[in-house]
C-alpha atoms as a PDB file:
ATOM      1  CA  MET A   1       1.289  13.420 -87.883  1.00  0.00           C
ATOM      2  CA  GLN A   2       1.111  17.285 -87.768  1.00  0.00           C
ATOM      3  CA  PHE A   3       0.356  18.933 -84.299  1.00  0.00           C
ATOM      4  CA  THR A   4       0.639  22.306 -82.787  1.00  0.00           C
ATOM      5  CA  MET A   5       2.039  22.657 -78.923  1.00  0.00           C
ATOM      6  CA  MET A   6       1.626  25.583 -76.951  1.00  0.00           C
ATOM      7  CA  ALA A   7       4.012  26.633 -74.245  1.00  0.00           C
ATOM      8  CA  TYR A   8       2.749  29.389 -71.442  1.00  0.00           C
ATOM      9  CA  ASN A   9       3.946  30.927 -68.697  1.00  0.00           C
ATOM     10  CA  ILE A  10       0.711  32.083 -66.519  1.00  0.00           C
ATOM     11  CA  GLU A  11       2.503  33.677 -63.886  1.00  0.00           C
ATOM     12  CA  ARG A  12       0.619  32.784 -60.688  1.00  0.00           C
ATOM     13  CA  GLY A  13      -2.205  31.356 -62.560  1.00  0.00           C
ATOM     14  CA  CYS A  14      -3.381  34.758 -63.548  1.00  0.00           C
ATOM     15  CA  HIS A  15      -3.313  35.860 -59.753  1.00  0.00           C
ATOM     16  CA  SER A  16      -2.082  38.535 -57.684  1.00  0.00           C
ATOM     17  CA  LEU A  17       0.227  38.161 -55.084  1.00  0.00           C
ATOM     18  CA  ASP A  18      -2.614  38.597 -52.418  1.00  0.00           C
ATOM     19  CA  HIS A  19      -4.362  35.329 -54.312  1.00  0.00           C
ATOM     20  CA  ILE A  20      -6.799  37.221 -56.076  1.00  0.00           C
ATOM     21  CA  LEU A  21      -8.064  36.162 -59.441  1.00  0.00           C
ATOM     22  CA  GLU A  22      -6.825  38.559 -61.980  1.00  0.00           C
ATOM     23  CA  LYS A  23      -9.846  38.293 -64.721  1.00  0.00           C
ATOM     24  CA  GLU A  24      -8.341  40.383 -67.463  1.00  0.00           C
ATOM     25  CA  ARG A  25      -5.345  38.756 -67.718  1.00  0.00           C
ATOM     26  CA  LEU A  26      -6.910  35.095 -67.550  1.00  0.00           C
ATOM     27  CA  ASP A  27      -9.126  36.151 -70.453  1.00  0.00           C
ATOM     28  CA  ALA A  28      -6.330  37.627 -72.436  1.00  0.00           C
ATOM     29  CA  VAL A  29      -4.791  34.072 -71.858  1.00  0.00           C
ATOM     30  CA  LYS A  30      -7.525  32.158 -73.113  1.00  0.00           C
ATOM     31  CA  ARG A  31      -8.150  34.172 -76.264  1.00  0.00           C
ATOM     32  CA  ILE A  32      -4.677  33.402 -77.192  1.00  0.00           C
ATOM     33  CA  ALA A  33      -5.125  29.977 -76.503  1.00  0.00           C
ATOM     34  CA  ARG A  34      -8.052  30.010 -78.327  1.00  0.00           C
ATOM     35  CA  GLU A  35      -6.323  31.674 -81.419  1.00  0.00           C
ATOM     36  CA  VAL A  36      -3.703  29.434 -81.399  1.00  0.00           C
ATOM     37  CA  ASN A  37      -5.921  26.436 -80.865  1.00  0.00           C
ATOM     38  CA  PRO A  38      -2.508  24.158 -79.811  1.00  0.00           C
ATOM     39  CA  ASP A  39      -3.550  20.334 -79.577  1.00  0.00           C
ATOM     40  CA  ILE A  40      -1.314  20.391 -76.770  1.00  0.00           C
ATOM     41  CA  LEU A  41      -0.603  22.847 -73.802  1.00  0.00           C
ATOM     42  CA  SER A  42       2.056  23.177 -71.304  1.00  0.00           C
ATOM     43  CA  LEU A  43       1.614  25.635 -68.860  1.00  0.00           C
ATOM     44  CA  THR A  44       4.060  26.891 -66.039  1.00  0.00           C
ATOM     45  CA  GLU A  45       3.202  28.943 -63.028  1.00  0.00           C
ATOM     46  CA  ALA A  46      -0.221  27.121 -63.369  1.00  0.00           C
ATOM     47  CA  TYR A  47      -0.701  28.110 -59.782  1.00  0.00           C
ATOM     48  CA  TYR A  48      -4.178  26.205 -57.338  1.00  0.00           C
ATOM     49  CA  GLY A  49      -4.322  23.561 -59.805  1.00  0.00           C
ATOM     50  CA  GLY A  50      -4.673  21.306 -56.572  1.00  0.00           C
ATOM     51  CA  ASN A  51      -5.577  21.331 -53.541  1.00  0.00           C
ATOM     52  CA  ASN A  52      -3.735  24.535 -51.344  1.00  0.00           C
ATOM     53  CA  SER A  53      -3.804  26.137 -48.378  1.00  0.00           C
ATOM     54  CA  GLU A  54      -5.860  29.178 -50.037  1.00  0.00           C
ATOM     55  CA  ASN A  55      -8.364  26.631 -50.958  1.00  0.00           C
ATOM     56  CA  ILE A  56      -8.484  28.269 -54.681  1.00  0.00           C
ATOM     57  CA  PHE A  57      -9.515  25.907 -57.401  1.00  0.00           C
ATOM     58  CA  MET A  58      -7.931  26.256 -61.040  1.00  0.00           C
ATOM     59  CA  ASP A  59      -9.737  23.374 -63.323  1.00  0.00           C
ATOM     60  CA  TYR A  60      -7.054  24.087 -66.420  1.00  0.00           C
ATOM     61  CA  LYS A  61      -8.512  21.414 -68.427  1.00  0.00           C
ATOM     62  CA  SER A  62     -11.714  23.119 -68.204  1.00  0.00           C
ATOM     63  CA  ILE A  63     -10.926  26.766 -68.183  1.00  0.00           C
ATOM     64  CA  PHE A  64      -8.747  25.865 -71.638  1.00  0.00           C
ATOM     65  CA  GLY A  65     -11.265  23.481 -72.992  1.00  0.00           C
ATOM     66  CA  PHE A  66      -9.172  20.372 -73.023  1.00  0.00           C
ATOM     67  CA  ALA A  67      -9.874  16.395 -73.309  1.00  0.00           C
ATOM     68  CA  GLN A  68      -7.285  15.646 -70.875  1.00  0.00           C
ATOM     69  CA  GLY A  69      -5.136  17.336 -68.497  1.00  0.00           C
ATOM     70  CA  CYS A  70      -2.232  16.648 -65.426  1.00  0.00           C
ATOM     71  CA  PHE A  71      -1.408  19.273 -62.863  1.00  0.00           C
ATOM     72  CA  ALA A  72       1.996  18.710 -61.052  1.00  0.00           C
ATOM     73  CA  PRO A  73       2.285  20.877 -57.466  1.00  0.00           C
ATOM     74  CA  PHE A  74       5.362  22.447 -56.264  1.00  0.00           C
ATOM     75  CA  PRO A  75       5.904  21.420 -52.770  1.00  0.00           C
ATOM     76  CA  GLN A  76       7.048  24.750 -51.688  1.00  0.00           C
ATOM     77  CA  VAL A  77       7.269  28.222 -53.915  1.00  0.00           C
ATOM     78  CA  GLY A  78       8.573  31.545 -53.326  1.00  0.00           C
ATOM     79  CA  TYR A  79      10.172  32.952 -50.509  1.00  0.00           C
ATOM     80  CA  ARG A  80       6.737  32.488 -48.659  1.00  0.00           C
ATOM     81  CA  LYS A  81       7.021  28.723 -48.790  1.00  0.00           C
ATOM     82  CA  GLU A  82       3.359  28.444 -50.189  1.00  0.00           C
ATOM     83  CA  ASP A  83       1.812  25.348 -51.748  1.00  0.00           C
ATOM     84  CA  VAL A  84       0.040  26.958 -54.489  1.00  0.00           C
ATOM     85  CA  GLY A  85       2.325  26.573 -57.245  1.00  0.00           C
ATOM     86  CA  GLY A  86       2.619  23.870 -60.334  1.00  0.00           C
ATOM     87  CA  SER A  87       2.882  22.843 -63.654  1.00  0.00           C
ATOM     88  CA  CYS A  88       0.391  21.450 -66.183  1.00  0.00           C
ATOM     89  CA  LEU A  89       0.149  19.678 -69.352  1.00  0.00           C
ATOM     90  CA  LEU A  90      -3.304  19.183 -71.196  1.00  0.00           C
ATOM     91  CA  SER A  91      -3.989  17.424 -74.687  1.00  0.00           C
ATOM     92  CA  ASN A  92      -6.600  17.157 -76.763  1.00  0.00           C
ATOM     93  CA  LEU A  93      -4.620  13.893 -77.982  1.00  0.00           C
ATOM     94  CA  LEU A  94      -4.457  10.502 -76.402  1.00  0.00           C
ATOM     95  CA  MET A  95      -2.550  11.382 -73.372  1.00  0.00           C
ATOM     96  CA  TYR A  96      -0.839   9.557 -70.404  1.00  0.00           C
ATOM     97  CA  ALA A  97       0.318  11.961 -67.709  1.00  0.00           C
ATOM     98  CA  ARG A  98       1.609  11.723 -64.680  1.00  0.00           C
ATOM     99  CA  PRO A  99       3.251  14.584 -62.172  1.00  0.00           C
ATOM    100  CA  PHE A 100       6.828  13.379 -60.614  1.00  0.00           C
ATOM    101  CA  LYS A 101       9.013  15.719 -58.104  1.00  0.00           C
ATOM    102  CA  LEU A 102      12.548  16.748 -59.324  1.00  0.00           C
ATOM    103  CA  LYS A 103      14.847  17.827 -56.606  1.00  0.00           C
ATOM    104  CA  HIS A 104      13.427  21.059 -55.928  1.00  0.00           C
ATOM    105  CA  LYS A 105       9.819  21.530 -57.678  1.00  0.00           C
ATOM    106  CA  GLY A 106       7.526  19.171 -59.256  1.00  0.00           C
ATOM    107  CA  ALA A 107       6.860  18.450 -62.842  1.00  0.00           C
ATOM    108  CA  VAL A 108       4.691  16.787 -65.279  1.00  0.00           C
ATOM    109  CA  ARG A 109       5.823  13.861 -67.761  1.00  0.00           C
ATOM    110  CA  GLY A 110       3.411  13.223 -70.721  1.00  0.00           C
ATOM    111  CA  GLU A 111       3.274  10.558 -73.394  1.00  0.00           C
ATOM    112  CA  ILE A 112       1.111  11.714 -76.084  1.00  0.00           C
ATOM    113  CA  ALA A 113      -0.010   9.113 -79.148  1.00  0.00           C
ATOM    114  CA  LEU A 114       0.835  10.689 -82.452  1.00  0.00           C
ATOM    115  CA  ASP A 115      -0.199   8.205 -85.177  1.00  0.00           C
ATOM    116  CA  ASN A 116       2.356   4.844 -84.650  1.00  0.00           C
ATOM    117  CA  ASN A 117       4.621   7.089 -82.340  1.00  0.00           C
ATOM    118  CA  ILE A 118       4.595   8.147 -78.821  1.00  0.00           C
ATOM    119  CA  LEU A 119       5.604  11.926 -78.127  1.00  0.00           C
ATOM    120  CA  MET A 120       6.854  12.422 -74.624  1.00  0.00           C
ATOM    121  CA  VAL A 121       6.801  15.425 -73.230  1.00  0.00           C
ATOM    122  CA  ASP A 122       8.098  17.166 -69.733  1.00  0.00           C
ATOM    123  CA  VAL A 123       6.484  20.188 -68.104  1.00  0.00           C
ATOM    124  CA  ILE A 124       9.234  21.741 -65.681  1.00  0.00           C
ATOM    125  CA  HIS A 125      10.152  25.131 -64.052  1.00  0.00           C
ATOM    126  CA  PRO A 126      13.734  24.762 -62.687  1.00  0.00           C
ATOM    127  CA  SER A 127      14.025  26.727 -58.786  1.00  0.00           C
ATOM    128  CA  TYR A 128      15.250  29.907 -58.926  1.00  0.00           C
ATOM    129  CA  THR A 129      16.716  29.163 -55.107  1.00  0.00           C
ATOM    130  CA  VAL A 130      19.586  26.779 -56.877  1.00  0.00           C
ATOM    131  CA  SER A 131      22.537  27.556 -59.346  1.00  0.00           C
ATOM    132  CA  ASP A 132      22.654  26.684 -63.054  1.00  0.00           C
ATOM    133  CA  MET A 133      25.233  24.261 -62.509  1.00  0.00           C
ATOM    134  CA  GLU A 134      22.661  22.430 -59.803  1.00  0.00           C
ATOM    135  CA  LYS A 135      19.729  22.956 -62.338  1.00  0.00           C
ATOM    136  CA  ILE A 136      21.345  21.218 -65.048  1.00  0.00           C
ATOM    137  CA  LYS A 137      22.327  18.279 -62.920  1.00  0.00           C
ATOM    138  CA  THR A 138      18.801  18.331 -62.128  1.00  0.00           C
ATOM    139  CA  LEU A 139      17.532  18.204 -65.639  1.00  0.00           C
ATOM    140  CA  SER A 140      20.179  16.296 -67.312  1.00  0.00           C
ATOM    141  CA  PRO A 141      18.238  12.834 -66.134  1.00  0.00           C
ATOM    142  CA  LEU A 142      15.012  13.999 -67.731  1.00  0.00           C
ATOM    143  CA  ILE A 143      16.680  14.103 -71.196  1.00  0.00           C
ATOM    144  CA  THR A 144      18.641  10.998 -70.685  1.00  0.00           C
ATOM    145  CA  THR A 145      15.895   8.578 -69.841  1.00  0.00           C
ATOM    146  CA  GLY A 146      13.230  10.198 -71.821  1.00  0.00           C
ATOM    147  CA  ARG A 147      11.983   8.457 -75.118  1.00  0.00           C
ATOM    148  CA  PHE A 148      11.949  10.085 -78.692  1.00  0.00           C
ATOM    149  CA  PRO A 149      10.321  12.163 -79.691  1.00  0.00           C
ATOM    150  CA  TYR A 150      10.649  14.861 -76.537  1.00  0.00           C
ATOM    151  CA  ILE A 151       9.897  17.848 -76.155  1.00  0.00           C
ATOM    152  CA  VAL A 152      10.696  19.558 -72.693  1.00  0.00           C
ATOM    153  CA  ALA A 153       8.826  22.785 -71.895  1.00  0.00           C
ATOM    154  CA  GLY A 154       8.573  25.192 -69.539  1.00  0.00           C
ATOM    155  CA  ASP A 155      10.212  28.197 -67.587  1.00  0.00           C
ATOM    156  CA  PHE A 156      14.061  28.207 -67.674  1.00  0.00           C
ATOM    157  CA  ASN A 157      14.488  32.116 -67.347  1.00  0.00           C
ATOM    158  CA  THR A 158      14.849  31.360 -63.640  1.00  0.00           C
ATOM    159  CA  VAL A 159      18.195  33.649 -62.291  1.00  0.00           C
ATOM    160  CA  HIS A 160      19.930  32.582 -58.809  1.00  0.00           C
ATOM    161  CA  PRO A 161      19.952  35.989 -56.912  1.00  0.00           C
ATOM    162  CA  ASP A 162      23.794  34.937 -56.132  1.00  0.00           C
ATOM    163  CA  GLU A 163      24.823  34.525 -59.465  1.00  0.00           C
ATOM    164  CA  GLU A 164      26.788  37.022 -61.271  1.00  0.00           C
ATOM    165  CA  TYR A 165      25.922  37.814 -65.069  1.00  0.00           C
ATOM    166  CA  ASN A 166      27.765  40.032 -67.465  1.00  0.00           C
ATOM    167  CA  TRP A 167      24.452  41.082 -68.426  1.00  0.00           C
ATOM    168  CA  GLU A 168      25.896  43.055 -71.716  1.00  0.00           C
ATOM    169  CA  LYS A 169      27.536  40.003 -72.674  1.00  0.00           C
ATOM    170  CA  LEU A 170      24.265  38.168 -72.423  1.00  0.00           C
ATOM    171  CA  THR A 171      22.794  40.608 -74.514  1.00  0.00           C
ATOM    172  CA  GLU A 172      25.587  41.075 -77.131  1.00  0.00           C
ATOM    173  CA  GLU A 173      25.657  37.132 -77.728  1.00  0.00           C
ATOM    174  CA  LEU A 174      21.746  36.939 -77.668  1.00  0.00           C
ATOM    175  CA  MET A 175      21.832  39.664 -80.574  1.00  0.00           C
ATOM    176  CA  GLU A 176      24.494  37.473 -82.450  1.00  0.00           C
ATOM    177  CA  PHE A 177      22.422  34.737 -82.241  1.00  0.00           C
ATOM    178  CA  ASP A 178      18.991  36.331 -83.315  1.00  0.00           C
ATOM    179  CA  PRO A 179      19.421  40.135 -84.013  1.00  0.00           C
ATOM    180  CA  ILE A 180      15.914  40.864 -84.624  1.00  0.00           C
END
């Protein structure tokens, strides 16, 4: 069975740092999702998808027009230690999904029916407050305990403020991998 999956970081659920909905951003995200028309949509930084201290609720399943969805809250996010963050997995295919806790953040694991097979999808957003090695230790069990076929989606660009990176070398290696 062929399907289309889209992963999108919607940065703070299309809200400002002051928790104000940025409608133009949300409309742009919805327009792009409509154009791609994915069967499965993973959202990172899907803030306000559950109970939170700001009393803002974003019903991503309805917003994006999906039959099924699961939101996984982060216990705390950012230097403000807010309870508004999370990840979300949406599907128009038959799906069983549940939130689960990683060591530093929450995540979603979905099992999606594909003809005679089950696709496992994890949606994660590692914490920027831990080192790369700690991220690897946290995420390795997901990959080794998952069933196949398996997709891990999310935001992997987190950089720990105490890590030292050689940005010139990283740029050079990326250009060798994909010279554009």
